[in-house]
N, C-alpha and C. Protein backbone atom coordinates (compact mmCIF):
# COMPACT_ATOMS: atom_id res chain seq x y z
N UNK A 1 -69.20 99.86 191.24
CA UNK A 1 -67.97 99.09 191.09
C UNK A 1 -67.38 99.33 189.72
N UNK A 2 -66.06 99.38 189.68
CA UNK A 2 -65.41 99.61 188.40
C UNK A 2 -65.40 98.32 187.59
N UNK A 3 -65.09 98.46 186.33
CA UNK A 3 -65.10 97.31 185.42
C UNK A 3 -64.03 96.28 185.80
N UNK A 4 -62.86 96.75 186.23
CA UNK A 4 -61.77 95.86 186.62
C UNK A 4 -62.19 95.04 187.85
N UNK A 5 -62.82 95.70 188.81
CA UNK A 5 -63.27 95.01 190.01
C UNK A 5 -64.32 93.96 189.65
N UNK A 6 -65.24 94.32 188.74
CA UNK A 6 -66.27 93.38 188.32
C UNK A 6 -65.65 92.16 187.64
N UNK A 7 -64.68 92.41 186.79
CA UNK A 7 -64.02 91.30 186.09
C UNK A 7 -63.28 90.38 187.07
N UNK A 8 -62.55 90.96 188.02
CA UNK A 8 -61.83 90.16 189.01
C UNK A 8 -62.82 89.41 189.88
N UNK A 9 -63.88 90.08 190.33
CA UNK A 9 -64.89 89.45 191.16
C UNK A 9 -65.61 88.33 190.39
N UNK A 10 -65.90 88.59 189.14
CA UNK A 10 -66.55 87.56 188.30
C UNK A 10 -65.63 86.37 188.09
N UNK A 11 -64.36 86.62 187.92
CA UNK A 11 -63.40 85.52 187.73
C UNK A 11 -63.30 84.67 189.00
N UNK A 12 -63.22 85.34 190.16
CA UNK A 12 -63.11 84.62 191.42
C UNK A 12 -64.37 83.81 191.72
N UNK A 13 -65.54 84.31 191.33
CA UNK A 13 -66.79 83.59 191.53
C UNK A 13 -66.94 82.45 190.53
N UNK A 14 -66.22 82.51 189.42
CA UNK A 14 -66.33 81.47 188.40
C UNK A 14 -67.43 81.72 187.41
N UNK A 15 -67.86 82.94 187.28
CA UNK A 15 -68.95 83.24 186.35
C UNK A 15 -68.52 83.07 184.90
N UNK A 16 -67.21 83.04 184.64
CA UNK A 16 -66.73 82.84 183.27
C UNK A 16 -67.01 81.39 182.81
N UNK A 17 -67.33 80.51 183.75
CA UNK A 17 -67.65 79.13 183.39
C UNK A 17 -69.15 78.91 183.19
N UNK A 18 -69.96 79.86 183.63
CA UNK A 18 -71.41 79.66 183.58
C UNK A 18 -72.14 80.60 182.64
N UNK A 19 -71.48 81.59 182.07
CA UNK A 19 -72.18 82.51 181.17
C UNK A 19 -72.34 81.90 179.78
N UNK A 20 -72.86 82.66 178.85
CA UNK A 20 -73.20 82.13 177.52
C UNK A 20 -71.98 81.78 176.68
N UNK A 21 -70.83 82.34 176.93
CA UNK A 21 -69.62 82.00 176.16
C UNK A 21 -68.76 80.99 176.93
N UNK A 22 -69.37 80.23 177.82
CA UNK A 22 -68.62 79.29 178.65
C UNK A 22 -68.05 78.13 177.85
N UNK A 23 -68.69 77.77 176.74
CA UNK A 23 -68.21 76.64 175.94
C UNK A 23 -66.76 76.87 175.48
N UNK A 24 -66.46 78.09 175.02
CA UNK A 24 -65.09 78.41 174.60
C UNK A 24 -64.14 78.31 175.79
N UNK A 25 -64.57 78.79 176.92
CA UNK A 25 -63.72 78.74 178.12
C UNK A 25 -63.46 77.30 178.54
N UNK A 26 -64.50 76.47 178.51
CA UNK A 26 -64.32 75.06 178.90
C UNK A 26 -63.36 74.34 177.98
N UNK A 27 -63.45 74.62 176.68
CA UNK A 27 -62.52 73.98 175.74
C UNK A 27 -61.08 74.35 176.06
N UNK A 28 -60.84 75.59 176.36
CA UNK A 28 -59.48 76.04 176.69
C UNK A 28 -59.02 75.41 178.00
N UNK A 29 -59.91 75.38 178.98
CA UNK A 29 -59.55 74.81 180.28
C UNK A 29 -59.24 73.32 180.14
N UNK A 30 -60.05 72.60 179.39
CA UNK A 30 -59.79 71.17 179.17
C UNK A 30 -58.47 70.97 178.44
N UNK A 31 -58.21 71.80 177.45
CA UNK A 31 -56.95 71.71 176.71
C UNK A 31 -55.75 71.94 177.64
N UNK A 32 -55.84 72.96 178.50
CA UNK A 32 -54.76 73.26 179.44
C UNK A 32 -54.57 72.10 180.42
N UNK A 33 -55.68 71.51 180.90
CA UNK A 33 -55.59 70.39 181.84
C UNK A 33 -54.92 69.20 181.17
N UNK A 34 -55.27 68.92 179.92
CA UNK A 34 -54.65 67.81 179.19
C UNK A 34 -53.15 68.07 179.03
N UNK A 35 -52.79 69.29 178.68
CA UNK A 35 -51.37 69.63 178.57
C UNK A 35 -50.64 69.46 179.91
N UNK A 36 -51.26 69.86 180.99
CA UNK A 36 -50.65 69.69 182.31
C UNK A 36 -50.46 68.21 182.65
N UNK A 37 -51.46 67.39 182.31
CA UNK A 37 -51.33 65.95 182.58
C UNK A 37 -50.20 65.34 181.75
N UNK A 38 -50.08 65.76 180.50
CA UNK A 38 -48.99 65.26 179.66
C UNK A 38 -47.64 65.69 180.23
N UNK A 39 -47.55 66.92 180.68
CA UNK A 39 -46.31 67.43 181.25
C UNK A 39 -45.94 66.67 182.53
N UNK A 40 -46.90 66.43 183.39
CA UNK A 40 -46.65 65.69 184.63
C UNK A 40 -46.21 64.27 184.31
N UNK A 41 -46.89 63.64 183.36
CA UNK A 41 -46.54 62.27 182.97
C UNK A 41 -45.13 62.19 182.41
N UNK A 42 -44.78 63.12 181.54
CA UNK A 42 -43.44 63.10 180.95
C UNK A 42 -42.36 63.37 181.99
N UNK A 43 -42.64 64.23 182.95
CA UNK A 43 -41.64 64.49 183.99
C UNK A 43 -41.44 63.26 184.88
N UNK A 44 -42.52 62.51 185.16
CA UNK A 44 -42.39 61.28 185.94
C UNK A 44 -41.58 60.24 185.17
N UNK A 45 -41.82 60.13 183.89
CA UNK A 45 -41.06 59.18 183.06
C UNK A 45 -39.59 59.57 183.02
N UNK A 46 -39.32 60.87 182.92
CA UNK A 46 -37.93 61.32 182.91
C UNK A 46 -37.25 61.02 184.24
N UNK A 47 -37.96 61.21 185.34
CA UNK A 47 -37.39 60.88 186.65
C UNK A 47 -37.08 59.40 186.76
N UNK A 48 -38.00 58.56 186.27
CA UNK A 48 -37.76 57.11 186.30
C UNK A 48 -36.53 56.75 185.48
N UNK A 49 -36.36 57.38 184.34
CA UNK A 49 -35.20 57.09 183.50
C UNK A 49 -33.91 57.55 184.16
N UNK A 50 -33.94 58.68 184.84
CA UNK A 50 -32.75 59.16 185.55
C UNK A 50 -32.36 58.17 186.64
N UNK A 51 -33.35 57.67 187.37
CA UNK A 51 -33.08 56.68 188.43
C UNK A 51 -32.53 55.40 187.82
N UNK A 52 -33.11 54.97 186.70
CA UNK A 52 -32.63 53.75 186.04
C UNK A 52 -31.19 53.92 185.54
N UNK A 53 -30.89 55.08 184.99
CA UNK A 53 -29.52 55.35 184.52
C UNK A 53 -28.55 55.33 185.70
N UNK A 54 -28.96 55.90 186.82
CA UNK A 54 -28.11 55.90 188.01
C UNK A 54 -27.84 54.48 188.49
N UNK A 55 -28.89 53.65 188.52
CA UNK A 55 -28.71 52.26 188.94
C UNK A 55 -27.81 51.50 187.97
N UNK A 56 -27.97 51.74 186.67
CA UNK A 56 -27.13 51.06 185.68
C UNK A 56 -25.67 51.50 185.79
N UNK A 57 -25.44 52.77 186.07
CA UNK A 57 -24.07 53.25 186.26
C UNK A 57 -23.44 52.62 187.49
N UNK A 58 -24.21 52.47 188.54
CA UNK A 58 -23.71 51.81 189.75
C UNK A 58 -23.35 50.36 189.45
N UNK A 59 -24.23 49.67 188.73
CA UNK A 59 -23.96 48.28 188.36
C UNK A 59 -22.73 48.17 187.47
N UNK A 60 -22.58 49.14 186.55
CA UNK A 60 -21.42 49.15 185.66
C UNK A 60 -20.13 49.29 186.45
N UNK A 61 -20.12 50.19 187.44
CA UNK A 61 -18.92 50.36 188.28
C UNK A 61 -18.60 49.08 189.04
N UNK A 62 -19.64 48.42 189.57
CA UNK A 62 -19.42 47.17 190.30
C UNK A 62 -18.84 46.09 189.39
N UNK A 63 -19.41 45.96 188.19
CA UNK A 63 -18.92 44.95 187.26
C UNK A 63 -17.51 45.26 186.79
N UNK A 64 -17.20 46.53 186.62
CA UNK A 64 -15.84 46.91 186.20
C UNK A 64 -14.83 46.55 187.30
N UNK A 65 -15.20 46.82 188.55
CA UNK A 65 -14.32 46.47 189.66
C UNK A 65 -14.12 44.96 189.73
N UNK A 66 -15.19 44.21 189.52
CA UNK A 66 -15.08 42.75 189.51
C UNK A 66 -14.19 42.27 188.37
N UNK A 67 -14.31 42.91 187.21
CA UNK A 67 -13.48 42.57 186.05
C UNK A 67 -12.00 42.80 186.37
N UNK A 68 -11.69 43.94 186.97
CA UNK A 68 -10.30 44.26 187.31
C UNK A 68 -9.76 43.26 188.33
N UNK A 69 -10.57 42.94 189.34
CA UNK A 69 -10.14 41.98 190.35
C UNK A 69 -9.90 40.60 189.73
N UNK A 70 -10.79 40.18 188.86
CA UNK A 70 -10.63 38.88 188.21
C UNK A 70 -9.39 38.88 187.33
N UNK A 71 -9.14 39.96 186.63
CA UNK A 71 -7.94 40.07 185.80
C UNK A 71 -6.67 39.99 186.63
N UNK A 72 -6.69 40.62 187.80
CA UNK A 72 -5.53 40.57 188.70
C UNK A 72 -5.29 39.15 189.18
N UNK A 73 -6.35 38.46 189.57
CA UNK A 73 -6.22 37.07 190.02
C UNK A 73 -5.68 36.20 188.89
N UNK A 74 -6.17 36.39 187.68
CA UNK A 74 -5.71 35.61 186.54
C UNK A 74 -4.23 35.86 186.26
N UNK A 75 -3.80 37.12 186.34
CA UNK A 75 -2.38 37.42 186.11
C UNK A 75 -1.50 36.76 187.16
N UNK A 76 -1.96 36.72 188.40
CA UNK A 76 -1.18 36.04 189.45
C UNK A 76 -1.11 34.54 189.18
N UNK A 77 -2.22 33.97 188.69
CA UNK A 77 -2.24 32.53 188.41
C UNK A 77 -1.32 32.19 187.24
N UNK A 78 -1.14 33.11 186.30
CA UNK A 78 -0.31 32.86 185.12
C UNK A 78 1.18 33.09 185.37
N UNK A 79 1.53 33.62 186.52
CA UNK A 79 2.94 33.89 186.81
C UNK A 79 3.71 32.57 186.89
N UNK A 80 4.96 32.62 186.43
CA UNK A 80 5.78 31.41 186.37
C UNK A 80 5.98 30.81 187.75
N UNK A 81 6.16 31.64 188.77
CA UNK A 81 6.39 31.11 190.12
C UNK A 81 5.15 30.36 190.61
N UNK A 82 3.98 30.87 190.29
CA UNK A 82 2.74 30.20 190.70
C UNK A 82 2.60 28.86 189.98
N UNK A 83 2.92 28.84 188.71
CA UNK A 83 2.84 27.59 187.93
C UNK A 83 3.85 26.59 188.44
N UNK A 84 5.06 27.04 188.78
CA UNK A 84 6.09 26.12 189.32
C UNK A 84 5.63 25.50 190.63
N UNK A 85 5.01 26.30 191.50
CA UNK A 85 4.52 25.76 192.78
C UNK A 85 3.47 24.68 192.55
N UNK A 86 2.55 24.93 191.64
CA UNK A 86 1.50 23.95 191.36
C UNK A 86 2.08 22.69 190.73
N UNK A 87 3.04 22.87 189.84
CA UNK A 87 3.68 21.71 189.19
C UNK A 87 4.47 20.92 190.22
N UNK A 88 5.13 21.60 191.14
CA UNK A 88 5.93 20.94 192.16
C UNK A 88 5.05 20.10 193.08
N UNK A 89 3.86 20.62 193.39
CA UNK A 89 2.94 19.87 194.25
C UNK A 89 2.44 18.60 193.55
N UNK A 90 2.50 18.56 192.24
CA UNK A 90 2.10 17.37 191.48
C UNK A 90 3.30 16.48 191.15
N UNK A 91 4.46 16.88 191.57
CA UNK A 91 5.64 16.06 191.37
C UNK A 91 6.40 16.38 190.10
N UNK A 92 6.15 17.48 189.47
CA UNK A 92 6.86 17.88 188.26
C UNK A 92 7.94 18.89 188.60
N UNK A 93 9.06 18.80 187.89
CA UNK A 93 10.16 19.74 188.11
C UNK A 93 10.61 20.28 186.75
N UNK A 94 11.21 21.47 186.76
CA UNK A 94 11.72 22.00 185.49
C UNK A 94 12.92 21.16 185.01
N UNK A 95 13.11 21.13 183.72
CA UNK A 95 14.19 20.34 183.11
C UNK A 95 15.55 20.94 183.47
N UNK A 96 16.52 20.07 183.68
CA UNK A 96 17.89 20.53 184.00
C UNK A 96 18.65 20.90 182.73
N UNK A 97 18.30 20.25 181.62
CA UNK A 97 18.98 20.55 180.35
C UNK A 97 18.10 21.48 179.54
N UNK A 98 18.70 22.44 178.89
CA UNK A 98 17.91 23.38 178.08
C UNK A 98 17.36 22.68 176.85
N UNK A 99 16.31 23.17 176.30
CA UNK A 99 15.76 22.55 175.09
C UNK A 99 16.68 22.76 173.89
N UNK A 100 16.62 21.83 172.94
CA UNK A 100 17.46 21.92 171.74
C UNK A 100 16.56 22.26 170.56
N UNK A 101 17.13 23.03 169.67
CA UNK A 101 16.41 23.45 168.48
C UNK A 101 16.57 22.38 167.40
N UNK A 102 15.50 22.00 166.78
CA UNK A 102 15.54 21.00 165.72
C UNK A 102 15.41 21.74 164.39
N UNK A 103 16.37 21.45 163.49
CA UNK A 103 16.32 22.07 162.17
C UNK A 103 15.94 21.00 161.16
N UNK A 104 15.04 21.35 160.30
CA UNK A 104 14.62 20.44 159.22
C UNK A 104 15.10 21.04 157.91
N UNK A 105 15.80 20.24 157.17
CA UNK A 105 16.29 20.70 155.84
C UNK A 105 15.62 19.86 154.77
N UNK A 106 15.29 20.51 153.73
CA UNK A 106 14.68 19.84 152.58
C UNK A 106 15.67 19.81 151.44
N UNK A 107 15.72 18.68 150.79
CA UNK A 107 16.58 18.55 149.61
C UNK A 107 15.73 18.74 148.36
N UNK A 108 16.20 19.60 147.52
CA UNK A 108 15.50 19.81 146.27
C UNK A 108 16.01 18.81 145.23
N UNK A 109 15.13 18.09 144.57
CA UNK A 109 15.54 17.11 143.56
C UNK A 109 15.67 17.70 142.20
């Protein structure tokens, strides 16, 4: 068997984990596994944050629509015709005579 075949066959059998230099191999394997776990954990956290951002954007759109609707209702309530109707139902009517301006003059002594 050629050297390449022996190396591939030895790798597939896992002899690199059981020979005399296995300690170095185990350290590298453990390091790679820890890095993979950190990568998987960070990707899950990023996915959770993306979902949370999506939900917050949806809530923001809903609240904005509610704000616009409430503003529209308030503007209709503030209209003079609406106020006149409410005042009329309470028995109030607009004045027939226009208001008069009052001027105050001060005398200097």
